[in-house]
Amino acid sequence: MRRLLLGLIALLYAASIPWYRPTGAEPALILGLPDWVAIALACYAAVALLNAWAWLLTDVSDSGPSVEEDPP
């Protein structure tokens, strides 16, 4: 599942690049932003959510040195 999420993140980063736009094309406005900006921002927000989900699925062990209490 984690690998799938990381793959989706890579695809979203690729989709956020406006390479698909023809040169000199007039951008449509979405919420007052050019369409390529709105698409990029949506991709980045989705990447943040998928990245958080991938980290929740990752088992991180705290194997640092143990702290022993001073004896009374």
Protein backbone atom coordinates (compact mmCIF):
# COMPACT_ATOMS: atom_id res chain seq x y z
CA MET A 1 0.00 0.00 0.00
CA ARG A 2 2.83 2.38 0.88
CA ARG A 3 4.52 1.82 -2.50
CA LEU A 4 1.23 2.51 -4.26
CA LEU A 5 0.88 5.79 -2.37
CA LEU A 6 4.44 6.79 -3.26
CA GLY A 7 3.76 5.95 -6.90
CA LEU A 8 0.65 8.13 -6.84
CA ILE A 9 2.70 10.94 -5.32
CA ALA A 10 5.17 10.71 -8.20
CA LEU A 11 2.31 10.82 -10.72
CA LEU A 12 0.79 13.85 -9.03
CA TYR A 13 4.12 15.69 -9.16
CA ALA A 14 4.33 14.91 -12.89
CA ALA A 15 0.73 16.09 -13.40
CA SER A 16 1.46 19.37 -11.61
CA ILE A 17 3.90 20.43 -14.33
CA PRO A 18 2.02 22.31 -17.07
CA TRP A 19 3.82 20.51 -19.90
CA TYR A 20 0.49 19.59 -21.48
CA ARG A 21 -0.43 23.24 -22.20
CA PRO A 22 0.06 24.47 -25.75
CA THR A 23 2.41 27.43 -26.13
CA GLY A 24 0.58 30.74 -25.96
CA ALA A 25 -2.74 29.20 -24.88
CA GLU A 26 -5.08 31.51 -23.00
CA PRO A 27 -5.53 30.11 -19.47
CA ALA A 28 -9.01 29.57 -18.07
CA LEU A 29 -9.65 30.91 -14.58
CA ILE A 30 -10.48 28.58 -11.70
CA LEU A 31 -11.28 30.41 -8.45
CA GLY A 32 -9.46 33.44 -9.84
CA LEU A 33 -6.29 31.50 -10.66
CA PRO A 34 -5.04 30.37 -14.04
CA ASP A 35 -6.02 26.75 -14.60
CA TRP A 36 -2.42 25.50 -14.52
CA VAL A 37 -1.87 27.12 -11.11
CA ALA A 38 -5.09 25.65 -9.70
CA ILE A 39 -4.16 22.20 -11.00
CA ALA A 40 -0.66 22.45 -9.53
CA LEU A 41 -1.98 23.56 -6.14
CA ALA A 42 -4.54 20.74 -6.09
CA CYS A 43 -1.79 18.24 -6.94
CA TYR A 44 0.44 19.57 -4.15
CA ALA A 45 -2.40 19.36 -1.62
CA ALA A 46 -3.13 15.78 -2.70
CA VAL A 47 0.60 14.95 -2.41
CA ALA A 48 0.61 16.27 1.16
CA LEU A 49 -2.38 14.08 2.08
CA LEU A 50 -0.97 10.96 0.41
CA ASN A 51 2.42 11.56 2.03
CA ALA A 52 0.80 11.83 5.47
CA TRP A 53 -1.12 8.61 4.80
CA ALA A 54 2.08 6.83 3.71
CA TRP A 55 3.82 7.91 6.92
CA LEU A 56 0.91 6.66 9.01
CA LEU A 57 1.37 3.23 7.39
CA THR A 58 5.13 3.24 8.10
CA ASP A 59 6.32 1.52 11.25
CA VAL A 60 8.98 3.72 12.82
CA SER A 61 10.74 2.18 15.78
CA ASP A 62 12.34 4.27 18.48
CA SER A 63 15.52 2.31 18.98
CA GLY A 64 17.51 5.11 20.54
CA PRO A 65 19.47 4.67 23.74
CA SER A 66 17.32 4.03 26.76
CA VAL A 67 17.33 6.59 29.53
CA GLU A 68 17.74 5.11 32.97
CA GLU A 69 16.52 6.94 36.01
CA ASP A 70 18.93 7.83 38.78
CA PRO A 71 18.54 5.58 41.82
CA PRO A 72 17.15 7.30 44.92
